[in-house]
Full PDB file with SEQRES, HELIX, SHEET, SSBOND, CRYST1, ORIGX, SCALE, CONECT and MASTER records, all heavy atoms in Angstrom:
SEQRES   1 A   38  ILE GLY LYS ASN LYS PHE ASP ILE TRP ASP LEU TYR LYS          
SEQRES   2 A   38  HIS SER PHE GLU ASP LYS ASN LEU GLU LYS ILE THR GLY          
SEQRES   3 A   38  LEU THR ILE ASN ASN LYS LYS TYR TYR LEU GLU VAL              
HELIX    1 AA1 ASP A   10  PHE A   16  1                                   7    
SHEET    1 AA1 2 ILE A  24  ILE A  29  0                                        
SHEET    2 AA1 2 LYS A  32  GLU A  37 -1                                        
CRYST1    1.000    1.000    1.000  90.00  90.00  90.00 P 1           1          
ORIGX1      1.000000  0.000000  0.000000        0.00000                         
ORIGX2      0.000000  1.000000  0.000000        0.00000                         
ORIGX3      0.000000  0.000000  1.000000        0.00000                         
SCALE1      1.000000  0.000000  0.000000        0.00000                         
SCALE2      0.000000  1.000000  0.000000        0.00000                         
SCALE3      0.000000  0.000000  1.000000        0.00000                         
ATOM      1  N   ILE A   1       0.826  -1.225   0.011  1.00  0.00           N  
ATOM      2  CA  ILE A   1       0.007   0.017   0.002  1.00  0.00           C  
ATOM      3  C   ILE A   1       0.876   1.261  -0.002  1.00  0.00           C  
ATOM      4  O   ILE A   1       0.485   2.303  -0.495  1.00  0.00           O  
ATOM      5  CB  ILE A   1      -0.964  -0.010   1.226  1.00  0.00           C  
ATOM      6  CG1 ILE A   1      -2.028   1.106   1.085  1.00  0.00           C  
ATOM      7  CG2 ILE A   1      -0.193   0.169   2.496  1.00  0.00           C  
ATOM      8  CD1 ILE A   1      -2.974   0.888  -0.029  1.00  0.00           C  
ATOM      9  N   GLY A   2       2.124   1.130   0.598  1.00  0.00           N  
ATOM     10  CA  GLY A   2       2.985   2.318   0.676  1.00  0.00           C  
ATOM     11  C   GLY A   2       3.514   2.777  -0.662  1.00  0.00           C  
ATOM     12  O   GLY A   2       4.102   3.830  -0.788  1.00  0.00           O  
ATOM     13  N   LYS A   3       3.346   1.992  -1.737  1.00  0.00           N  
ATOM     14  CA  LYS A   3       3.823   2.395  -3.051  1.00  0.00           C  
ATOM     15  C   LYS A   3       2.900   3.367  -3.741  1.00  0.00           C  
ATOM     16  O   LYS A   3       3.248   3.918  -4.770  1.00  0.00           O  
ATOM     17  CB  LYS A   3       4.038   1.163  -3.913  1.00  0.00           C  
ATOM     18  CG  LYS A   3       5.188   0.280  -3.446  1.00  0.00           C  
ATOM     19  CD  LYS A   3       5.398  -0.879  -4.366  1.00  0.00           C  
ATOM     20  CE  LYS A   3       6.579  -1.761  -3.925  1.00  0.00           C  
ATOM     21  NZ  LYS A   3       7.855  -1.069  -4.038  1.00  0.00           N  
ATOM     22  N   ASN A   4       1.679   3.515  -3.204  1.00  0.00           N  
ATOM     23  CA  ASN A   4       0.742   4.478  -3.857  1.00  0.00           C  
ATOM     24  C   ASN A   4       1.307   5.887  -3.650  1.00  0.00           C  
ATOM     25  O   ASN A   4       1.785   6.250  -2.564  1.00  0.00           O  
ATOM     26  CB  ASN A   4      -0.649   4.422  -3.200  1.00  0.00           C  
ATOM     27  CG  ASN A   4      -1.319   3.084  -3.509  1.00  0.00           C  
ATOM     28  OD1 ASN A   4      -0.942   2.445  -4.479  1.00  0.00           O  
ATOM     29  ND2 ASN A   4      -2.255   2.690  -2.662  1.00  0.00           N  
ATOM     30  N   LYS A   5       1.245   6.692  -4.678  1.00  0.00           N  
ATOM     31  CA  LYS A   5       1.745   8.086  -4.588  1.00  0.00           C  
ATOM     32  C   LYS A   5       0.688   8.987  -4.002  1.00  0.00           C  
ATOM     33  O   LYS A   5      -0.461   8.987  -4.413  1.00  0.00           O  
ATOM     34  CB  LYS A   5       2.102   8.566  -5.986  1.00  0.00           C  
ATOM     35  CG  LYS A   5       3.343   7.900  -6.594  1.00  0.00           C  
ATOM     36  CD  LYS A   5       3.730   8.493  -7.883  1.00  0.00           C  
ATOM     37  CE  LYS A   5       4.995   7.882  -8.438  1.00  0.00           C  
ATOM     38  NZ  LYS A   5       5.429   8.452  -9.699  1.00  0.00           N  
ATOM     39  N   PHE A   6       1.145   9.744  -2.975  1.00  0.00           N  
ATOM     40  CA  PHE A   6       0.256  10.688  -2.361  1.00  0.00           C  
ATOM     41  C   PHE A   6       1.130  11.735  -1.657  1.00  0.00           C  
ATOM     42  O   PHE A   6       2.018  11.385  -0.921  1.00  0.00           O  
ATOM     43  CB  PHE A   6      -0.663   9.989  -1.336  1.00  0.00           C  
ATOM     44  CG  PHE A   6      -1.678  10.902  -0.733  1.00  0.00           C  
ATOM     45  CD1 PHE A   6      -2.647  11.503  -1.547  1.00  0.00           C  
ATOM     46  CD2 PHE A   6      -1.665  11.240   0.632  1.00  0.00           C  
ATOM     47  CE1 PHE A   6      -3.585  12.352  -0.991  1.00  0.00           C  
ATOM     48  CE2 PHE A   6      -2.617  12.085   1.131  1.00  0.00           C  
ATOM     49  CZ  PHE A   6      -3.595  12.635   0.349  1.00  0.00           C  
ATOM     50  N   ASP A   7       0.931  12.994  -1.888  1.00  0.00           N  
ATOM     51  CA  ASP A   7       1.835  14.023  -1.445  1.00  0.00           C  
ATOM     52  C   ASP A   7       1.331  14.855  -0.241  1.00  0.00           C  
ATOM     53  O   ASP A   7       1.950  15.829   0.119  1.00  0.00           O  
ATOM     54  CB  ASP A   7       2.107  14.997  -2.621  1.00  0.00           C  
ATOM     55  CG  ASP A   7       2.866  14.255  -3.727  1.00  0.00           C  
ATOM     56  OD1 ASP A   7       3.583  13.354  -3.389  1.00  0.00           O  
ATOM     57  OD2 ASP A   7       2.652  14.688  -4.871  1.00  0.00           O  
ATOM     58  N   ILE A   8       0.196  14.477   0.340  1.00  0.00           N  
ATOM     59  CA  ILE A   8      -0.335  15.263   1.452  1.00  0.00           C  
ATOM     60  C   ILE A   8       0.253  14.789   2.757  1.00  0.00           C  
ATOM     61  O   ILE A   8      -0.023  13.666   3.201  1.00  0.00           O  
ATOM     62  CB  ILE A   8      -1.902  15.205   1.523  1.00  0.00           C  
ATOM     63  CG1 ILE A   8      -2.482  15.720   0.196  1.00  0.00           C  
ATOM     64  CG2 ILE A   8      -2.426  15.985   2.708  1.00  0.00           C  
ATOM     65  CD1 ILE A   8      -3.987  15.594   0.170  1.00  0.00           C  
ATOM     66  N   TRP A   9       1.023  15.622   3.379  1.00  0.00           N  
ATOM     67  CA  TRP A   9       1.618  15.397   4.686  1.00  0.00           C  
ATOM     68  C   TRP A   9       2.325  14.079   4.811  1.00  0.00           C  
ATOM     69  O   TRP A   9       1.757  13.054   5.117  1.00  0.00           O  
ATOM     70  CB  TRP A   9       0.522  15.479   5.779  1.00  0.00           C  
ATOM     71  CG  TRP A   9      -0.024  16.842   5.942  1.00  0.00           C  
ATOM     72  CD1 TRP A   9       0.179  17.906   5.106  1.00  0.00           C  
ATOM     73  CD2 TRP A   9      -0.853  17.305   7.016  1.00  0.00           C  
ATOM     74  NE1 TRP A   9      -0.469  19.002   5.590  1.00  0.00           N  
ATOM     75  CE2 TRP A   9      -1.122  18.690   6.745  1.00  0.00           C  
ATOM     76  CE3 TRP A   9      -1.386  16.737   8.166  1.00  0.00           C  
ATOM     77  CZ2 TRP A   9      -1.854  19.466   7.593  1.00  0.00           C  
ATOM     78  CZ3 TRP A   9      -2.155  17.526   8.972  1.00  0.00           C  
ATOM     79  CH2 TRP A   9      -2.426  18.841   8.709  1.00  0.00           C  
ATOM     80  N   ASP A  10       3.614  14.094   4.555  1.00  0.00           N  
ATOM     81  CA  ASP A  10       4.436  12.875   4.629  1.00  0.00           C  
ATOM     82  C   ASP A  10       4.382  12.276   6.018  1.00  0.00           C  
ATOM     83  O   ASP A  10       4.587  11.069   6.199  1.00  0.00           O  
ATOM     84  CB  ASP A  10       5.898  13.219   4.277  1.00  0.00           C  
ATOM     85  CG  ASP A  10       6.065  13.504   2.786  1.00  0.00           C  
ATOM     86  OD1 ASP A  10       5.220  13.051   2.033  1.00  0.00           O  
ATOM     87  OD2 ASP A  10       7.054  14.172   2.417  1.00  0.00           O  
ATOM     88  N   LEU A  11       4.169  13.134   7.008  1.00  0.00           N  
ATOM     89  CA  LEU A  11       4.065  12.615   8.380  1.00  0.00           C  
ATOM     90  C   LEU A  11       2.944  11.572   8.473  1.00  0.00           C  
ATOM     91  O   LEU A  11       3.094  10.528   9.106  1.00  0.00           O  
ATOM     92  CB  LEU A  11       3.801  13.776   9.346  1.00  0.00           C  
ATOM     93  CG  LEU A  11       3.549  13.378  10.809  1.00  0.00           C  
ATOM     94  CD1 LEU A  11       4.810  12.791  11.402  1.00  0.00           C  
ATOM     95  CD2 LEU A  11       3.111  14.574  11.610  1.00  0.00           C  
ATOM     96  N   TYR A  12       1.827  11.820   7.827  1.00  0.00           N  
ATOM     97  CA  TYR A  12       0.719  10.901   7.859  1.00  0.00           C  
ATOM     98  C   TYR A  12       1.063   9.655   7.019  1.00  0.00           C  
ATOM     99  O   TYR A  12       0.769   8.522   7.427  1.00  0.00           O  
ATOM    100  CB  TYR A  12      -0.560  11.548   7.313  1.00  0.00           C  
ATOM    101  CG  TYR A  12      -1.315  12.306   8.340  1.00  0.00           C  
ATOM    102  CD1 TYR A  12      -0.677  12.837   9.492  1.00  0.00           C  
ATOM    103  CD2 TYR A  12      -2.647  12.466   8.261  1.00  0.00           C  
ATOM    104  CE1 TYR A  12      -1.364  13.535  10.413  1.00  0.00           C  
ATOM    105  CE2 TYR A  12      -3.422  13.160   9.213  1.00  0.00           C  
ATOM    106  CZ  TYR A  12      -2.699  13.704  10.294  1.00  0.00           C  
ATOM    107  OH  TYR A  12      -3.417  14.386  11.249  1.00  0.00           O  
ATOM    108  N   LYS A  13       1.713   9.841   5.852  1.00  0.00           N  
ATOM    109  CA  LYS A  13       2.043   8.673   4.995  1.00  0.00           C  
ATOM    110  C   LYS A  13       2.895   7.652   5.721  1.00  0.00           C  
ATOM    111  O   LYS A  13       2.637   6.473   5.742  1.00  0.00           O  
ATOM    112  CB  LYS A  13       2.769   9.184   3.760  1.00  0.00           C  
ATOM    113  CG  LYS A  13       1.871   9.812   2.686  1.00  0.00           C  
ATOM    114  CD  LYS A  13       2.667  10.334   1.530  1.00  0.00           C  
ATOM    115  CE  LYS A  13       3.497   9.237   0.867  1.00  0.00           C  
ATOM    116  NZ  LYS A  13       4.238   9.744  -0.310  1.00  0.00           N  
ATOM    117  N   HIS A  14       3.976   8.228   6.374  1.00  0.00           N  
ATOM    118  CA  HIS A  14       4.891   7.344   7.066  1.00  0.00           C  
ATOM    119  C   HIS A  14       4.223   6.633   8.269  1.00  0.00           C  
ATOM    120  O   HIS A  14       4.565   5.494   8.582  1.00  0.00           O  
ATOM    121  CB  HIS A  14       6.123   8.110   7.526  1.00  0.00           C  
ATOM    122  CG  HIS A  14       6.930   8.653   6.427  1.00  0.00           C  
ATOM    123  ND1 HIS A  14       7.242   7.994   5.297  1.00  0.00           N  
ATOM    124  CD2 HIS A  14       7.482   9.923   6.264  1.00  0.00           C  
ATOM    125  CE1 HIS A  14       7.954   8.730   4.465  1.00  0.00           C  
ATOM    126  NE2 HIS A  14       8.112   9.909   5.058  1.00  0.00           N  
ATOM    127  N   SER A  15       3.291   7.325   8.875  1.00  0.00           N  
ATOM    128  CA  SER A  15       2.629   6.689  10.027  1.00  0.00           C  
ATOM    129  C   SER A  15       1.698   5.563   9.662  1.00  0.00           C  
ATOM    130  O   SER A  15       1.321   4.759  10.455  1.00  0.00           O  
ATOM    131  CB  SER A  15       1.832   7.789  10.803  1.00  0.00           C  
ATOM    132  OG  SER A  15       0.757   8.278  10.012  1.00  0.00           O  
ATOM    133  N   PHE A  16       1.257   5.491   8.310  1.00  0.00           N  
ATOM    134  CA  PHE A  16       0.379   4.452   7.906  1.00  0.00           C  
ATOM    135  C   PHE A  16       1.062   3.306   7.185  1.00  0.00           C  
ATOM    136  O   PHE A  16       0.399   2.349   6.783  1.00  0.00           O  
ATOM    137  CB  PHE A  16      -0.717   5.058   6.946  1.00  0.00           C  
ATOM    138  CG  PHE A  16      -1.621   5.986   7.641  1.00  0.00           C  
ATOM    139  CD1 PHE A  16      -2.049   7.166   7.049  1.00  0.00           C  
ATOM    140  CD2 PHE A  16      -2.061   5.707   8.922  1.00  0.00           C  
ATOM    141  CE1 PHE A  16      -2.842   8.051   7.693  1.00  0.00           C  
ATOM    142  CE2 PHE A  16      -2.913   6.590   9.594  1.00  0.00           C  
ATOM    143  CZ  PHE A  16      -3.338   7.729   8.950  1.00  0.00           C  
ATOM    144  N   GLU A  17       2.378   3.379   7.000  1.00  0.00           N  
ATOM    145  CA  GLU A  17       3.018   2.351   6.208  1.00  0.00           C  
ATOM    146  C   GLU A  17       3.025   0.981   6.882  1.00  0.00           C  
ATOM    147  O   GLU A  17       3.130  -0.039   6.238  1.00  0.00           O  
ATOM    148  CB  GLU A  17       4.483   2.778   5.903  1.00  0.00           C  
ATOM    149  CG  GLU A  17       4.515   3.888   4.889  1.00  0.00           C  
ATOM    150  CD  GLU A  17       5.963   4.290   4.572  1.00  0.00           C  
ATOM    151  OE1 GLU A  17       6.856   3.790   5.272  1.00  0.00           O  
ATOM    152  OE2 GLU A  17       6.156   5.151   3.690  1.00  0.00           O  
ATOM    153  N   ASP A  18       2.930   0.951   8.183  1.00  0.00           N  
ATOM    154  CA  ASP A  18       2.910  -0.339   8.913  1.00  0.00           C  
ATOM    155  C   ASP A  18       1.576  -0.614   9.572  1.00  0.00           C  
ATOM    156  O   ASP A  18       1.498  -1.371  10.549  1.00  0.00           O  
ATOM    157  CB  ASP A  18       4.001  -0.339   9.961  1.00  0.00           C  
ATOM    158  CG  ASP A  18       3.853   0.791  10.976  1.00  0.00           C  
ATOM    159  OD1 ASP A  18       2.988   1.675  10.690  1.00  0.00           O  
ATOM    160  OD2 ASP A  18       4.492   0.762  12.034  1.00  0.00           O  
ATOM    161  N   LYS A  19       0.503  -0.078   9.000  1.00  0.00           N  
ATOM    162  CA  LYS A  19      -0.833  -0.235   9.631  1.00  0.00           C  
ATOM    163  C   LYS A  19      -1.593  -1.384   8.998  1.00  0.00           C  
ATOM    164  O   LYS A  19      -2.732  -1.669   9.417  1.00  0.00           O  
ATOM    165  CB  LYS A  19      -1.646   1.061   9.508  1.00  0.00           C  
ATOM    166  CG  LYS A  19      -1.078   2.242  10.276  1.00  0.00           C  
ATOM    167  CD  LYS A  19      -0.960   1.991  11.761  1.00  0.00           C  
ATOM    168  CE  LYS A  19      -0.440   3.213  12.505  1.00  0.00           C  
ATOM    169  NZ  LYS A  19      -0.288   2.939  13.962  1.00  0.00           N  
ATOM    170  N   ASN A  20      -1.000  -2.064   7.990  1.00  0.00           N  
ATOM    171  CA  ASN A  20      -1.658  -3.245   7.365  1.00  0.00           C  
ATOM    172  C   ASN A  20      -3.070  -2.904   6.846  1.00  0.00           C  
ATOM    173  O   ASN A  20      -4.046  -3.555   7.276  1.00  0.00           O  
ATOM    174  CB  ASN A  20      -1.717  -4.393   8.360  1.00  0.00           C  
ATOM    175  CG  ASN A  20      -0.356  -4.859   8.754  1.00  0.00           C  
ATOM    176  OD1 ASN A  20       0.569  -4.930   7.946  1.00  0.00           O  
ATOM    177  ND2 ASN A  20      -0.198  -5.198  10.033  1.00  0.00           N  
ATOM    178  N   LEU A  21      -3.176  -1.906   5.978  1.00  0.00           N  
ATOM    179  CA  LEU A  21      -4.460  -1.537   5.435  1.00  0.00           C  
ATOM    180  C   LEU A  21      -4.772  -2.343   4.164  1.00  0.00           C  
ATOM    181  O   LEU A  21      -5.434  -1.858   3.269  1.00  0.00           O  
ATOM    182  CB  LEU A  21      -4.461  -0.051   5.102  1.00  0.00           C  
ATOM    183  CG  LEU A  21      -4.306   0.850   6.341  1.00  0.00           C  
ATOM    184  CD1 LEU A  21      -4.356   2.337   5.941  1.00  0.00           C  
ATOM    185  CD2 LEU A  21      -5.386   0.604   7.379  1.00  0.00           C  
ATOM    186  N   GLU A  22      -4.266  -3.555   4.123  1.00  0.00           N  
ATOM    187  CA  GLU A  22      -4.607  -4.521   3.015  1.00  0.00           C  
ATOM    188  C   GLU A  22      -4.563  -5.934   3.577  1.00  0.00           C  
ATOM    189  O   GLU A  22      -3.901  -6.170   4.590  1.00  0.00           O  
ATOM    190  CB  GLU A  22      -3.552  -4.392   1.876  1.00  0.00           C  
ATOM    191  CG  GLU A  22      -2.142  -4.774   2.302  1.00  0.00           C  
ATOM    192  CD  GLU A  22      -1.157  -4.762   1.152  1.00  0.00           C  
ATOM    193  OE1 GLU A  22      -1.556  -4.399   0.056  1.00  0.00           O  
ATOM    194  OE2 GLU A  22       0.001  -5.101   1.381  1.00  0.00           O  
ATOM    195  N   LYS A  23      -5.300  -6.761   2.903  1.00  0.00           N  
ATOM    196  CA  LYS A  23      -5.338  -8.185   3.313  1.00  0.00           C  
ATOM    197  C   LYS A  23      -5.260  -9.075   2.085  1.00  0.00           C  
ATOM    198  O   LYS A  23      -6.000  -8.800   1.100  1.00  0.00           O  
ATOM    199  CB  LYS A  23      -6.553  -8.496   4.150  1.00  0.00           C  
ATOM    200  CG  LYS A  23      -6.529  -7.954   5.565  1.00  0.00           C  
ATOM    201  CD  LYS A  23      -7.654  -8.531   6.406  1.00  0.00           C  
ATOM    202  CE  LYS A  23      -7.539  -8.063   7.834  1.00  0.00           C  
ATOM    203  NZ  LYS A  23      -8.589  -8.637   8.695  1.00  0.00           N  
ATOM    204  N   ILE A  24      -4.487 -10.090   2.116  1.00  0.00           N  
ATOM    205  CA  ILE A  24      -4.347 -11.095   0.993  1.00  0.00           C  
ATOM    206  C   ILE A  24      -4.672 -12.452   1.628  1.00  0.00           C  
ATOM    207  O   ILE A  24      -4.015 -12.895   2.517  1.00  0.00           O  
ATOM    208  CB  ILE A  24      -2.949 -11.045   0.432  1.00  0.00           C  
ATOM    209  CG1 ILE A  24      -2.600  -9.640  -0.125  1.00  0.00           C  
ATOM    210  CG2 ILE A  24      -2.844 -12.073  -0.720  1.00  0.00           C  
ATOM    211  CD1 ILE A  24      -1.209  -9.501  -0.620  1.00  0.00           C  
ATOM    212  N   THR A  25      -5.666 -13.050   1.030  1.00  0.00           N  
ATOM    213  CA  THR A  25      -6.098 -14.370   1.517  1.00  0.00           C  
ATOM    214  C   THR A  25      -6.114 -15.388   0.353  1.00  0.00           C  
ATOM    215  O   THR A  25      -6.331 -14.986  -0.809  1.00  0.00           O  
ATOM    216  CB  THR A  25      -7.472 -14.296   2.149  1.00  0.00           C  
ATOM    217  OG1 THR A  25      -8.381 -13.775   1.205  1.00  0.00           O  
ATOM    218  CG2 THR A  25      -7.474 -13.457   3.373  1.00  0.00           C  
ATOM    219  N   GLY A  26      -5.871 -16.613   0.691  1.00  0.00           N  
ATOM    220  CA  GLY A  26      -5.889 -17.655  -0.353  1.00  0.00           C  
ATOM    221  C   GLY A  26      -7.255 -18.323  -0.424  1.00  0.00           C  
ATOM    222  O   GLY A  26      -7.885 -18.590   0.605  1.00  0.00           O  
ATOM    223  N   LEU A  27      -7.741 -18.627  -1.645  1.00  0.00           N  
ATOM    224  CA  LEU A  27      -9.050 -19.224  -1.834  1.00  0.00           C  
ATOM    225  C   LEU A  27      -8.873 -20.536  -2.667  1.00  0.00           C  
ATOM    226  O   LEU A  27      -8.035 -20.576  -3.562  1.00  0.00           O  
ATOM    227  CB  LEU A  27      -9.989 -18.294  -2.570  1.00  0.00           C  
ATOM    228  CG  LEU A  27     -10.257 -16.903  -1.914  1.00  0.00           C  
ATOM    229  CD1 LEU A  27     -11.131 -16.098  -2.841  1.00  0.00           C  
ATOM    230  CD2 LEU A  27     -10.885 -17.048  -0.570  1.00  0.00           C  
ATOM    231  N   THR A  28      -9.681 -21.492  -2.363  1.00  0.00           N  
ATOM    232  CA  THR A  28      -9.694 -22.744  -3.147  1.00  0.00           C  
ATOM    233  C   THR A  28     -11.097 -22.906  -3.661  1.00  0.00           C  
ATOM    234  O   THR A  28     -12.063 -23.112  -2.917  1.00  0.00           O  
ATOM    235  CB  THR A  28      -9.305 -23.969  -2.294  1.00  0.00           C  
ATOM    236  OG1 THR A  28      -8.020 -23.740  -1.757  1.00  0.00           O  
ATOM    237  CG2 THR A  28      -9.303 -25.223  -3.176  1.00  0.00           C  
ATOM    238  N   ILE A  29     -11.239 -22.750  -5.024  1.00  0.00           N  
ATOM    239  CA  ILE A  29     -12.541 -22.808  -5.682  1.00  0.00           C  
ATOM    240  C   ILE A  29     -12.464 -23.847  -6.797  1.00  0.00           C  
ATOM    241  O   ILE A  29     -11.611 -23.690  -7.692  1.00  0.00           O  
ATOM    242  CB  ILE A  29     -12.991 -21.471  -6.223  1.00  0.00           C  
ATOM    243  CG1 ILE A  29     -12.916 -20.383  -5.104  1.00  0.00           C  
ATOM    244  CG2 ILE A  29     -14.388 -21.540  -6.784  1.00  0.00           C  
ATOM    245  CD1 ILE A  29     -13.136 -18.977  -5.573  1.00  0.00           C  
ATOM    246  N   ASN A  30     -13.370 -24.871  -6.708  1.00  0.00           N  
ATOM    247  CA  ASN A  30     -13.305 -25.939  -7.745  1.00  0.00           C  
ATOM    248  C   ASN A  30     -11.917 -26.542  -7.877  1.00  0.00           C  
ATOM    249  O   ASN A  30     -11.428 -26.746  -8.976  1.00  0.00           O  
ATOM    250  CB  ASN A  30     -13.814 -25.426  -9.105  1.00  0.00           C  
ATOM    251  CG  ASN A  30     -15.283 -25.066  -9.092  1.00  0.00           C  
ATOM    252  OD1 ASN A  30     -16.079 -25.632  -8.317  1.00  0.00           O  
ATOM    253  ND2 ASN A  30     -15.674 -24.127  -9.942  1.00  0.00           N  
ATOM    254  N   ASN A  31     -11.320 -26.757  -6.715  1.00  0.00           N  
ATOM    255  CA  ASN A  31     -10.010 -27.360  -6.648  1.00  0.00           C  
ATOM    256  C   ASN A  31      -8.910 -26.501  -7.315  1.00  0.00           C  
ATOM    257  O   ASN A  31      -7.861 -27.024  -7.683  1.00  0.00           O  
ATOM    258  CB  ASN A  31      -9.968 -28.787  -7.254  1.00  0.00           C  
ATOM    259  CG  ASN A  31     -10.897 -29.685  -6.457  1.00  0.00           C  
ATOM    260  OD1 ASN A  31     -10.954 -29.646  -5.257  1.00  0.00           O  
ATOM    261  ND2 ASN A  31     -11.627 -30.531  -7.190  1.00  0.00           N  
ATOM    262  N   LYS A  32      -9.188 -25.218  -7.449  1.00  0.00           N  
ATOM    263  CA  LYS A  32      -8.202 -24.307  -8.055  1.00  0.00           C  
ATOM    264  C   LYS A  32      -7.808 -23.244  -6.992  1.00  0.00           C  
ATOM    265  O   LYS A  32      -8.640 -22.826  -6.226  1.00  0.00           O  
ATOM    266  CB  LYS A  32      -8.763 -23.608  -9.255  1.00  0.00           C  
ATOM    267  CG  LYS A  32      -8.956 -24.542 -10.436  1.00  0.00           C  
ATOM    268  CD  LYS A  32      -9.468 -23.755 -11.630  1.00  0.00           C  
ATOM    269  CE  LYS A  32      -9.665 -24.685 -12.864  1.00  0.00           C  
ATOM    270  NZ  LYS A  32     -10.182 -23.920 -14.038  1.00  0.00           N  
ATOM    271  N   LYS A  33      -6.531 -22.886  -7.025  1.00  0.00           N  
ATOM    272  CA  LYS A  33      -6.016 -21.960  -6.018  1.00  0.00           C  
ATOM    273  C   LYS A  33      -6.124 -20.515  -6.560  1.00  0.00           C  
ATOM    274  O   LYS A  33      -5.721 -20.230  -7.676  1.00  0.00           O  
ATOM    275  CB  LYS A  33      -4.523 -22.296  -5.720  1.00  0.00           C  
ATOM    276  CG  LYS A  33      -3.923 -21.494  -4.568  1.00  0.00           C  
ATOM    277  CD  LYS A  33      -4.478 -21.909  -3.237  1.00  0.00           C  
ATOM    278  CE  LYS A  33      -3.779 -21.208  -2.069  1.00  0.00           C  
ATOM    279  NZ  LYS A  33      -4.340 -21.619  -0.780  1.00  0.00           N  
ATOM    280  N   TYR A  34      -6.630 -19.597  -5.733  1.00  0.00           N  
ATOM    281  CA  TYR A  34      -6.762 -18.193  -6.095  1.00  0.00           C  
ATOM    282  C   TYR A  34      -6.224 -17.327  -4.888  1.00  0.00           C  
ATOM    283  O   TYR A  34      -6.190 -17.812  -3.714  1.00  0.00           O  
ATOM    284  CB  TYR A  34      -8.206 -17.813  -6.335  1.00  0.00           C  
ATOM    285  CG  TYR A  34      -8.765 -18.450  -7.601  1.00  0.00           C  
ATOM    286  CD1 TYR A  34      -9.461 -19.669  -7.565  1.00  0.00           C  
ATOM    287  CD2 TYR A  34      -8.620 -17.764  -8.831  1.00  0.00           C  
ATOM    288  CE1 TYR A  34      -9.986 -20.214  -8.694  1.00  0.00           C  
ATOM    289  CE2 TYR A  34      -9.165 -18.354  -9.977  1.00  0.00           C  
ATOM    290  CZ  TYR A  34      -9.842 -19.547  -9.874  1.00  0.00           C  
ATOM    291  OH  TYR A  34     -10.360 -20.144 -11.022  1.00  0.00           O  
ATOM    292  N   TYR A  35      -5.865 -16.108  -5.186  1.00  0.00           N  
ATOM    293  CA  TYR A  35      -5.465 -15.129  -4.181  1.00  0.00           C  
ATOM    294  C   TYR A  35      -6.361 -13.914  -4.315  1.00  0.00           C  
ATOM    295  O   TYR A  35      -6.487 -13.322  -5.386  1.00  0.00           O  
ATOM    296  CB  TYR A  35      -4.018 -14.721  -4.360  1.00  0.00           C  
ATOM    297  CG  TYR A  35      -3.019 -15.843  -4.149  1.00  0.00           C  
ATOM    298  CD1 TYR A  35      -2.482 -16.528  -5.239  1.00  0.00           C  
ATOM    299  CD2 TYR A  35      -2.597 -16.181  -2.860  1.00  0.00           C  
ATOM    300  CE1 TYR A  35      -1.628 -17.593  -5.076  1.00  0.00           C  
ATOM    301  CE2 TYR A  35      -1.668 -17.225  -2.695  1.00  0.00           C  
ATOM    302  CZ  TYR A  35      -1.219 -17.939  -3.782  1.00  0.00           C  
ATOM    303  OH  TYR A  35      -0.359 -18.956  -3.604  1.00  0.00           O  
ATOM    304  N   LEU A  36      -6.883 -13.509  -3.154  1.00  0.00           N  
ATOM    305  CA  LEU A  36      -7.740 -12.310  -3.115  1.00  0.00           C  
ATOM    306  C   LEU A  36      -7.084 -11.222  -2.267  1.00  0.00           C  
ATOM    307  O   LEU A  36      -6.758 -11.437  -1.109  1.00  0.00           O  
ATOM    308  CB  LEU A  36      -9.119 -12.659  -2.513  1.00  0.00           C  
ATOM    309  CG  LEU A  36     -10.098 -11.455  -2.378  1.00  0.00           C  
ATOM    310  CD1 LEU A  36     -10.465 -10.874  -3.754  1.00  0.00           C  
ATOM    311  CD2 LEU A  36     -11.344 -11.882  -1.623  1.00  0.00           C  
ATOM    312  N   GLU A  37      -6.868 -10.062  -2.893  1.00  0.00           N  
ATOM    313  CA  GLU A  37      -6.287  -8.907  -2.203  1.00  0.00           C  
ATOM    314  C   GLU A  37      -7.342  -7.840  -2.064  1.00  0.00           C  
ATOM    315  O   GLU A  37      -7.899  -7.414  -3.064  1.00  0.00           O  
ATOM    316  CB  GLU A  37      -5.084  -8.370  -2.914  1.00  0.00           C  
ATOM    317  CG  GLU A  37      -4.464  -7.208  -2.194  1.00  0.00           C  
ATOM    318  CD  GLU A  37      -3.942  -6.123  -3.138  1.00  0.00           C  
ATOM    319  OE1 GLU A  37      -4.693  -5.664  -4.022  1.00  0.00           O  
ATOM    320  OE2 GLU A  37      -2.795  -5.726  -2.988  1.00  0.00           O  
ATOM    321  N   VAL A  38      -7.670  -7.454  -0.810  1.00  0.00           N  
ATOM    322  CA  VAL A  38      -8.557  -6.333  -0.558  1.00  0.00           C  
ATOM    323  C   VAL A  38      -7.774  -5.266   0.154  1.00  0.00           C  
ATOM    324  O   VAL A  38      -6.923  -5.576   1.001  1.00  0.00           O  
ATOM    325  CB  VAL A  38      -9.805  -6.761   0.264  1.00  0.00           C  
ATOM    326  CG1 VAL A  38     -10.713  -7.680  -0.540  1.00  0.00           C  
ATOM    327  CG2 VAL A  38      -9.369  -7.394   1.600  1.00  0.00           C  
TER     328      VAL A  38                                                      
MASTER        0    0    0    1    2    0    0    6  327    1    0    3          
END                                                                             
């Protein structure tokens, strides 16, 4: 998420880099492996 470009207040950007505002989970559908990133 930290790779997104945003120039408003670097103080806020750096404070959110380790907040885990994304989740990646593995799915098995019809015996096939998928990855879902929200």
